[in-house]
C-alpha atoms as a PDB file:
ATOM      1  CA  UNK A   1      99.112  88.737  98.461  1.00  0.00           C
ATOM      2  CA  UNK A   2      96.988  91.881  98.902  1.00  0.00           C
ATOM      3  CA  UNK A   3      96.485  91.096 102.581  1.00  0.00           C
ATOM      4  CA  UNK A   4     100.191  91.515 103.336  1.00  0.00           C
ATOM      5  CA  UNK A   5     100.014  95.010 101.792  1.00  0.00           C
ATOM      6  CA  UNK A   6      96.918  95.780 103.863  1.00  0.00           C
ATOM      7  CA  UNK A   7      98.674  94.654 107.055  1.00  0.00           C
ATOM      8  CA  UNK A   8     101.626  96.964 106.352  1.00  0.00           C
ATOM      9  CA  UNK A   9      99.752 100.078 105.145  1.00  0.00           C
ATOM     10  CA  UNK A  10      96.384 100.102 106.914  1.00  0.00           C
ATOM     11  CA  UNK A  11      96.701 101.190 110.538  1.00  0.00           C
ATOM     12  CA  UNK A  12      94.403 101.554 113.510  1.00  0.00           C
ATOM     13  CA  UNK A  13      92.610 104.894 113.467  1.00  0.00           C
ATOM     14  CA  UNK A  14      92.706 105.341 109.682  1.00  0.00           C
ATOM     15  CA  UNK A  15      89.499 106.499 108.040  1.00  0.00           C
ATOM     16  CA  UNK A  16      88.220 104.322 105.203  1.00  0.00           C
ATOM     17  CA  UNK A  17      87.151 106.431 102.213  1.00  0.00           C
ATOM     18  CA  UNK A  18      83.480 105.941 101.386  1.00  0.00           C
ATOM     19  CA  UNK A  19      81.604 107.323  98.371  1.00  0.00           C
ATOM     20  CA  UNK A  20      78.529 108.536 100.269  1.00  0.00           C
ATOM     21  CA  UNK A  21      79.048 108.001 103.994  1.00  0.00           C
ATOM     22  CA  UNK A  22      77.484 110.456 106.411  1.00  0.00           C
ATOM     23  CA  UNK A  23      80.113 109.710 109.057  1.00  0.00           C
ATOM     24  CA  UNK A  24      83.592 108.227 109.280  1.00  0.00           C
ATOM     25  CA  UNK A  25      84.317 104.506 109.192  1.00  0.00           C
ATOM     26  CA  UNK A  26      87.478 103.942 111.211  1.00  0.00           C
ATOM     27  CA  UNK A  27      89.890 100.997 111.278  1.00  0.00           C
ATOM     28  CA  UNK A  28      89.996  99.353 114.689  1.00  0.00           C
ATOM     29  CA  UNK A  29      92.642  96.726 113.919  1.00  0.00           C
ATOM     30  CA  UNK A  30      92.881  92.998 113.324  1.00  0.00           C
ATOM     31  CA  UNK A  31      90.529  90.488 114.880  1.00  0.00           C
ATOM     32  CA  UNK A  32      88.416  87.545 113.738  1.00  0.00           C
ATOM     33  CA  UNK A  33      85.293  87.201 111.628  1.00  0.00           C
ATOM     34  CA  UNK A  34      83.793  84.077 110.134  1.00  0.00           C
ATOM     35  CA  UNK A  35      86.520  81.939 111.805  1.00  0.00           C
ATOM     36  CA  UNK A  36      89.525  83.671 110.252  1.00  0.00           C
ATOM     37  CA  UNK A  37      91.691  86.773 110.661  1.00  0.00           C
ATOM     38  CA  UNK A  38      89.891  89.942 109.620  1.00  0.00           C
ATOM     39  CA  UNK A  39      90.357  93.689 109.455  1.00  0.00           C
ATOM     40  CA  UNK A  40      87.859  95.170 111.905  1.00  0.00           C
ATOM     41  CA  UNK A  41      86.427  98.658 111.489  1.00  0.00           C
ATOM     42  CA  UNK A  42      83.883 100.750 113.330  1.00  0.00           C
ATOM     43  CA  UNK A  43      80.831 102.431 111.883  1.00  0.00           C
ATOM     44  CA  UNK A  44      78.720 105.032 113.637  1.00  0.00           C
ATOM     45  CA  UNK A  45      75.580 104.120 115.509  1.00  0.00           C
ATOM     46  CA  UNK A  46      73.285 107.076 114.827  1.00  0.00           C
ATOM     47  CA  UNK A  47      70.783 105.999 117.498  1.00  0.00           C
ATOM     48  CA  UNK A  48      73.456 105.670 120.167  1.00  0.00           C
ATOM     49  CA  UNK A  49      76.491 107.737 119.081  1.00  0.00           C
ATOM     50  CA  UNK A  50      78.806 106.521 121.853  1.00  0.00           C
ATOM     51  CA  UNK A  51      78.180 102.896 120.919  1.00  0.00           C
ATOM     52  CA  UNK A  52      79.605 102.250 117.430  1.00  0.00           C
ATOM     53  CA  UNK A  53      79.058  99.044 115.467  1.00  0.00           C
ATOM     54  CA  UNK A  54      81.924  96.803 114.411  1.00  0.00           C
ATOM     55  CA  UNK A  55      82.195  95.149 111.012  1.00  0.00           C
ATOM     56  CA  UNK A  56      84.977  93.048 109.545  1.00  0.00           C
ATOM     57  CA  UNK A  57      86.448  91.739 106.314  1.00  0.00           C
ATOM     58  CA  UNK A  58      88.389  88.487 106.353  1.00  0.00           C
ATOM     59  CA  UNK A  59      91.728  87.774 104.733  1.00  0.00           C
ATOM     60  CA  UNK A  60      90.123  85.403 102.215  1.00  0.00           C
ATOM     61  CA  UNK A  61      87.451  87.994 101.347  1.00  0.00           C
ATOM     62  CA  UNK A  62      90.103  90.622 100.598  1.00  0.00           C
ATOM     63  CA  UNK A  63      92.006  88.112  98.453  1.00  0.00           C
ATOM     64  CA  UNK A  64      88.852  87.076  96.595  1.00  0.00           C
ATOM     65  CA  UNK A  65      87.864  90.693  95.909  1.00  0.00           C
ATOM     66  CA  UNK A  66      91.383  91.573  94.760  1.00  0.00           C
ATOM     67  CA  UNK A  67      91.459  88.600  92.401  1.00  0.00           C
ATOM     68  CA  UNK A  68      88.183  89.788  90.876  1.00  0.00           C
ATOM     69  CA  UNK A  69      89.556  93.332  90.543  1.00  0.00           C
ATOM     70  CA  UNK A  70      92.661  92.051  88.746  1.00  0.00           C
ATOM     71  CA  UNK A  71      90.834  89.549  86.511  1.00  0.00           C
ATOM     72  CA  UNK A  72      87.988  91.776  85.365  1.00  0.00           C
ATOM     73  CA  UNK A  73      89.467  95.246  86.007  1.00  0.00           C
ATOM     74  CA  UNK A  74      86.569  96.015  88.356  1.00  0.00           C
ATOM     75  CA  UNK A  75      84.963  95.044  91.634  1.00  0.00           C
ATOM     76  CA  UNK A  76      81.194  95.575  91.639  1.00  0.00           C
ATOM     77  CA  UNK A  77      78.453  95.429  94.215  1.00  0.00           C
ATOM     78  CA  UNK A  78      76.584  92.846  92.099  1.00  0.00           C
ATOM     79  CA  UNK A  79      79.636  90.566  92.025  1.00  0.00           C
ATOM     80  CA  UNK A  80      80.195  91.125  95.770  1.00  0.00           C
ATOM     81  CA  UNK A  81      76.597  90.190  96.621  1.00  0.00           C
ATOM     82  CA  UNK A  82      76.724  87.042  94.483  1.00  0.00           C
ATOM     83  CA  UNK A  83      80.199  85.707  95.316  1.00  0.00           C
ATOM     84  CA  UNK A  84      80.718  86.948  98.867  1.00  0.00           C
ATOM     85  CA  UNK A  85      77.337  86.310 100.509  1.00  0.00           C
ATOM     86  CA  UNK A  86      78.602  85.972 104.100  1.00  0.00           C
ATOM     87  CA  UNK A  87      80.456  89.256 103.853  1.00  0.00           C
ATOM     88  CA  UNK A  88      77.441  90.894 102.186  1.00  0.00           C
ATOM     89  CA  UNK A  89      75.069  89.581 104.872  1.00  0.00           C
ATOM     90  CA  UNK A  90      77.139  91.251 107.580  1.00  0.00           C
ATOM     91  CA  UNK A  91      76.416  94.535 105.824  1.00  0.00           C
ATOM     92  CA  UNK A  92      76.655  96.473 102.596  1.00  0.00           C
ATOM     93  CA  UNK A  93      79.253  98.616 104.329  1.00  0.00           C
ATOM     94  CA  UNK A  94      81.726  95.822 103.690  1.00  0.00           C
ATOM     95  CA  UNK A  95      81.592  96.391  99.918  1.00  0.00           C
ATOM     96  CA  UNK A  96      82.572 100.040 100.158  1.00  0.00           C
ATOM     97  CA  UNK A  97      85.083  99.246 102.892  1.00  0.00           C
ATOM     98  CA  UNK A  98      86.888  96.767 100.645  1.00  0.00           C
ATOM     99  CA  UNK A  99      86.818  99.336  97.852  1.00  0.00           C
ATOM    100  CA  UNK A 100      87.978 102.088 100.201  1.00  0.00           C
ATOM    101  CA  UNK A 101      90.903  99.982 101.408  1.00  0.00           C
ATOM    102  CA  UNK A 102      91.802  99.299  97.772  1.00  0.00           C
ATOM    103  CA  UNK A 103      91.687 103.061  97.151  1.00  0.00           C
ATOM    104  CA  UNK A 104      94.115 103.695 100.021  1.00  0.00           C
ATOM    105  CA  UNK A 105      96.442 101.065  98.531  1.00  0.00           C
ATOM    106  CA  UNK A 106      96.196 102.784  95.141  1.00  0.00           C
ATOM    107  CA  UNK A 107      94.898  99.712  93.305  1.00  0.00           C
ATOM    108  CA  UNK A 108      91.311 100.887  92.667  1.00  0.00           C
ATOM    109  CA  UNK A 109      89.141 103.966  92.403  1.00  0.00           C
ATOM    110  CA  UNK A 110      85.418 104.385  92.848  1.00  0.00           C
ATOM    111  CA  UNK A 111      83.738 105.075  89.526  1.00  0.00           C
ATOM    112  CA  UNK A 112      80.129 105.361  90.708  1.00  0.00           C
ATOM    113  CA  UNK A 113      77.109 103.083  90.602  1.00  0.00           C
ATOM    114  CA  UNK A 114      78.528 100.355  92.841  1.00  0.00           C
ATOM    115  CA  UNK A 115      81.757  99.925  90.932  1.00  0.00           C
ATOM    116  CA  UNK A 116      85.463 100.172  91.751  1.00  0.00           C
ATOM    117  CA  UNK A 117      87.782 100.170  88.748  1.00  0.00           C
ATOM    118  CA  UNK A 118      91.317  98.863  88.746  1.00  0.00           C
ATOM    119  CA  UNK A 119      94.096 101.427  88.686  1.00  0.00           C
ATOM    120  CA  UNK A 120      97.226 100.499  86.812  1.00  0.00           C
ATOM    121  CA  UNK A 121      99.744  99.294  87.728  1.00  0.00           C
ATOM    122  CA  UNK A 122      98.543  97.073  90.579  1.00  0.00           C
END
């Protein structure tokens, strides 16, 4: 459901909004993570600036996060850490990347303290 919107709206080269990032996180495109299709993005490597890191969020992770956003009107870091451990283990950047993608889609807004609130209508 939300993934089809992501595939249409989110394009390679887009910057993902982040609440406190020191550098841009940029969409690379679609690839694979954890054995399924995933949106891949690059984050800066401050020790080796020409060699960025790649992170990814799977289709099922986006759907799970969106379901939580719709059911509880928020998507929190605590919920993310508890219910999406594989995604969380890859890096905390994934939480704010999911939230940032939701912001681009207009379905959520960052409200501080590890919390994205649902914007109406979704």
